[in-house]
């Protein structure tokens, strides 16, 4: 498996400044990359970094959902 298939670029802007579609795209890329790492033996340390980034994206999405519900 080529390494470049599982690289996920950092967004050009902080998560709070991304559009909803950019945030969704970032989440999808991270989830796909993590799934690729899960198939590797042994699992790479980079997977943990991607999981942390995914947690941040999910938290931002959750915050936006909560704000929209209170609007």
N, C-alpha and C. Protein backbone atom coordinates (compact mmCIF):
# COMPACT_ATOMS: atom_id res chain seq x y z
N UNK A 1 0.85 -1.18 0.00
CA UNK A 1 0.00 0.00 0.00
C UNK A 1 0.89 1.24 0.00
N UNK A 2 0.61 2.14 -0.89
CA UNK A 2 1.43 3.34 -0.99
C UNK A 2 1.06 4.33 0.11
N UNK A 3 2.07 4.97 0.66
CA UNK A 3 1.85 5.92 1.75
C UNK A 3 1.01 7.11 1.31
N UNK A 4 1.18 7.56 0.06
CA UNK A 4 0.45 8.75 -0.37
C UNK A 4 -1.05 8.52 -0.45
N UNK A 5 -1.50 7.27 -0.45
CA UNK A 5 -2.93 6.99 -0.47
C UNK A 5 -3.59 7.32 0.86
N UNK A 6 -2.81 7.34 1.93
CA UNK A 6 -3.41 7.56 3.24
C UNK A 6 -3.01 8.88 3.87
N UNK A 7 -2.29 9.72 3.14
CA UNK A 7 -1.97 11.05 3.66
C UNK A 7 -3.19 11.94 3.57
N UNK A 8 -3.44 12.67 4.64
CA UNK A 8 -4.54 13.63 4.67
C UNK A 8 -3.92 15.00 4.93
N UNK A 9 -4.11 15.89 3.99
CA UNK A 9 -3.55 17.23 4.13
C UNK A 9 -4.28 18.00 5.22
N UNK A 10 -3.52 18.79 5.96
CA UNK A 10 -4.13 19.70 6.93
C UNK A 10 -4.94 20.73 6.14
N UNK A 11 -6.10 21.09 6.61
CA UNK A 11 -6.85 22.13 5.91
C UNK A 11 -6.08 23.45 5.93
N UNK A 12 -6.37 24.29 4.96
CA UNK A 12 -5.67 25.58 4.85
C UNK A 12 -6.11 26.56 5.94
N UNK A 13 -7.26 26.28 6.54
CA UNK A 13 -7.81 27.17 7.56
C UNK A 13 -8.13 26.36 8.81
N UNK A 14 -8.29 27.02 9.97
CA UNK A 14 -8.69 26.30 11.17
C UNK A 14 -10.08 25.68 10.96
N UNK A 15 -10.38 24.65 11.73
CA UNK A 15 -11.65 23.94 11.55
C UNK A 15 -12.85 24.86 11.63
N UNK A 16 -12.83 25.82 12.57
CA UNK A 16 -13.99 26.71 12.73
C UNK A 16 -14.22 27.57 11.50
N UNK A 17 -13.20 27.74 10.66
CA UNK A 17 -13.33 28.60 9.48
C UNK A 17 -13.70 27.81 8.22
N UNK A 18 -13.78 26.49 8.31
CA UNK A 18 -14.13 25.68 7.15
C UNK A 18 -15.64 25.74 6.91
N UNK A 19 -16.00 25.63 5.64
CA UNK A 19 -17.42 25.51 5.33
C UNK A 19 -17.90 24.12 5.76
N UNK A 20 -19.19 23.95 5.82
CA UNK A 20 -19.75 22.67 6.21
C UNK A 20 -19.29 21.57 5.26
N UNK A 21 -19.26 21.84 3.98
CA UNK A 21 -18.83 20.81 3.02
C UNK A 21 -17.34 20.52 3.14
N UNK A 22 -16.53 21.54 3.42
CA UNK A 22 -15.10 21.30 3.63
C UNK A 22 -14.87 20.45 4.88
N UNK A 23 -15.64 20.72 5.91
CA UNK A 23 -15.54 19.95 7.15
C UNK A 23 -15.95 18.50 6.91
N UNK A 24 -17.01 18.30 6.14
CA UNK A 24 -17.46 16.95 5.80
C UNK A 24 -16.40 16.22 4.98
N UNK A 25 -15.81 16.91 4.02
CA UNK A 25 -14.74 16.31 3.21
C UNK A 25 -13.55 15.92 4.07
N UNK A 26 -13.18 16.78 5.00
CA UNK A 26 -12.05 16.51 5.90
C UNK A 26 -12.35 15.27 6.74
N UNK A 27 -13.57 15.19 7.25
CA UNK A 27 -13.95 14.02 8.06
C UNK A 27 -13.86 12.74 7.22
N UNK A 28 -14.39 12.77 6.01
CA UNK A 28 -14.37 11.61 5.13
C UNK A 28 -12.93 11.17 4.83
N UNK A 29 -12.06 12.12 4.55
CA UNK A 29 -10.66 11.80 4.27
C UNK A 29 -10.00 11.14 5.48
N UNK A 30 -10.26 11.69 6.66
CA UNK A 30 -9.67 11.13 7.88
C UNK A 30 -10.20 9.73 8.16
N UNK A 31 -11.50 9.54 8.00
CA UNK A 31 -12.08 8.22 8.23
C UNK A 31 -11.51 7.19 7.26
N UNK A 32 -11.36 7.57 6.00
CA UNK A 32 -10.79 6.65 5.01
C UNK A 32 -9.33 6.33 5.31
N UNK A 33 -8.57 7.34 5.73
CA UNK A 33 -7.17 7.12 6.05
C UNK A 33 -7.03 6.21 7.27
N UNK A 34 -7.86 6.41 8.27
CA UNK A 34 -7.82 5.57 9.47
C UNK A 34 -8.16 4.14 9.10
N UNK A 35 -9.15 3.95 8.24
CA UNK A 35 -9.52 2.61 7.80
C UNK A 35 -8.35 1.94 7.07
N UNK A 36 -7.60 2.72 6.29
CA UNK A 36 -6.43 2.18 5.60
C UNK A 36 -5.37 1.73 6.60
N UNK A 37 -5.15 2.54 7.62
CA UNK A 37 -4.18 2.17 8.66
C UNK A 37 -4.63 0.93 9.42
N UNK A 38 -5.92 0.77 9.61
CA UNK A 38 -6.44 -0.39 10.34
C UNK A 38 -6.12 -1.69 9.61
N UNK A 39 -5.96 -1.64 8.30
CA UNK A 39 -5.64 -2.84 7.52
C UNK A 39 -4.16 -3.16 7.51
N UNK A 40 -3.34 -2.24 8.02
CA UNK A 40 -1.89 -2.45 8.02
C UNK A 40 -1.48 -3.28 9.23
N UNK A 41 -0.47 -4.09 9.04
CA UNK A 41 0.10 -4.87 10.14
C UNK A 41 1.58 -4.57 10.20
N UNK A 42 2.11 -4.04 11.25
CA UNK A 42 1.43 -3.50 12.42
C UNK A 42 0.81 -2.14 12.11
N UNK A 43 -0.12 -1.74 12.93
CA UNK A 43 -0.79 -0.45 12.75
C UNK A 43 0.21 0.66 13.04
N UNK A 44 0.24 1.65 12.18
CA UNK A 44 1.19 2.76 12.29
C UNK A 44 0.80 3.73 13.41
N UNK A 45 1.80 4.36 13.99
CA UNK A 45 1.58 5.39 15.02
C UNK A 45 0.81 6.58 14.45
N UNK A 46 0.95 6.82 13.15
CA UNK A 46 0.26 7.95 12.53
C UNK A 46 -1.26 7.82 12.66
N UNK A 47 -1.75 6.59 12.83
CA UNK A 47 -3.18 6.37 12.99
C UNK A 47 -3.71 7.15 14.20
N UNK A 48 -2.96 7.16 15.28
CA UNK A 48 -3.37 7.89 16.48
C UNK A 48 -3.49 9.38 16.22
N UNK A 49 -2.56 9.92 15.44
CA UNK A 49 -2.62 11.34 15.09
C UNK A 49 -3.87 11.64 14.26
N UNK A 50 -4.18 10.74 13.33
CA UNK A 50 -5.38 10.92 12.51
C UNK A 50 -6.65 10.83 13.35
N UNK A 51 -6.65 9.92 14.31
CA UNK A 51 -7.81 9.81 15.21
C UNK A 51 -8.03 11.09 16.01
N UNK A 52 -6.96 11.70 16.46
CA UNK A 52 -7.06 12.96 17.20
C UNK A 52 -7.63 14.06 16.31
N UNK A 53 -7.16 14.11 15.06
CA UNK A 53 -7.68 15.11 14.13
C UNK A 53 -9.16 14.85 13.84
N UNK A 54 -9.53 13.57 13.69
CA UNK A 54 -10.92 13.23 13.45
C UNK A 54 -11.78 13.64 14.63
N UNK A 55 -11.31 13.43 15.84
CA UNK A 55 -12.05 13.86 17.04
C UNK A 55 -12.31 15.36 17.00
N UNK A 56 -11.33 16.13 16.55
CA UNK A 56 -11.49 17.59 16.47
C UNK A 56 -12.56 17.96 15.44
N UNK A 57 -12.54 17.27 14.29
CA UNK A 57 -13.53 17.54 13.25
C UNK A 57 -14.93 17.20 13.75
N UNK A 58 -15.07 16.05 14.38
CA UNK A 58 -16.38 15.64 14.89
C UNK A 58 -16.88 16.62 15.95
N UNK A 59 -15.98 17.09 16.81
CA UNK A 59 -16.36 18.07 17.84
C UNK A 59 -16.86 19.36 17.19
N UNK A 60 -16.19 19.81 16.14
CA UNK A 60 -16.62 21.03 15.44
C UNK A 60 -17.99 20.81 14.81
N UNK A 61 -18.20 19.65 14.20
CA UNK A 61 -19.51 19.37 13.61
C UNK A 61 -20.60 19.34 14.69
N UNK A 62 -20.30 18.73 15.83
CA UNK A 62 -21.26 18.68 16.93
C UNK A 62 -21.59 20.08 17.45
N UNK A 63 -20.57 20.92 17.58
CA UNK A 63 -20.79 22.30 18.03
C UNK A 63 -21.73 23.04 17.07
N UNK A 64 -21.51 22.85 15.78
CA UNK A 64 -22.36 23.53 14.79
C UNK A 64 -23.80 23.01 14.86
N UNK A 65 -23.95 21.72 15.08
CA UNK A 65 -25.29 21.14 15.19
C UNK A 65 -26.01 21.72 16.40
N UNK A 66 -25.31 21.83 17.52
CA UNK A 66 -25.91 22.39 18.73
C UNK A 66 -26.29 23.85 18.54
N UNK A 67 -25.42 24.62 17.89
CA UNK A 67 -25.72 26.02 17.64
C UNK A 67 -26.93 26.17 16.74
N UNK A 68 -27.03 25.33 15.74
CA UNK A 68 -28.17 25.40 14.81
C UNK A 68 -29.46 25.03 15.52
N UNK A 69 -29.38 24.10 16.46
CA UNK A 69 -30.58 23.68 17.19
C UNK A 69 -31.10 24.78 18.10
N UNK A 70 -30.20 25.63 18.58
CA UNK A 70 -30.59 26.71 19.49
C UNK A 70 -30.92 28.01 18.76
N UNK A 71 -30.76 28.01 17.48
CA UNK A 71 -31.02 29.24 16.71
C UNK A 71 -32.49 29.41 16.41
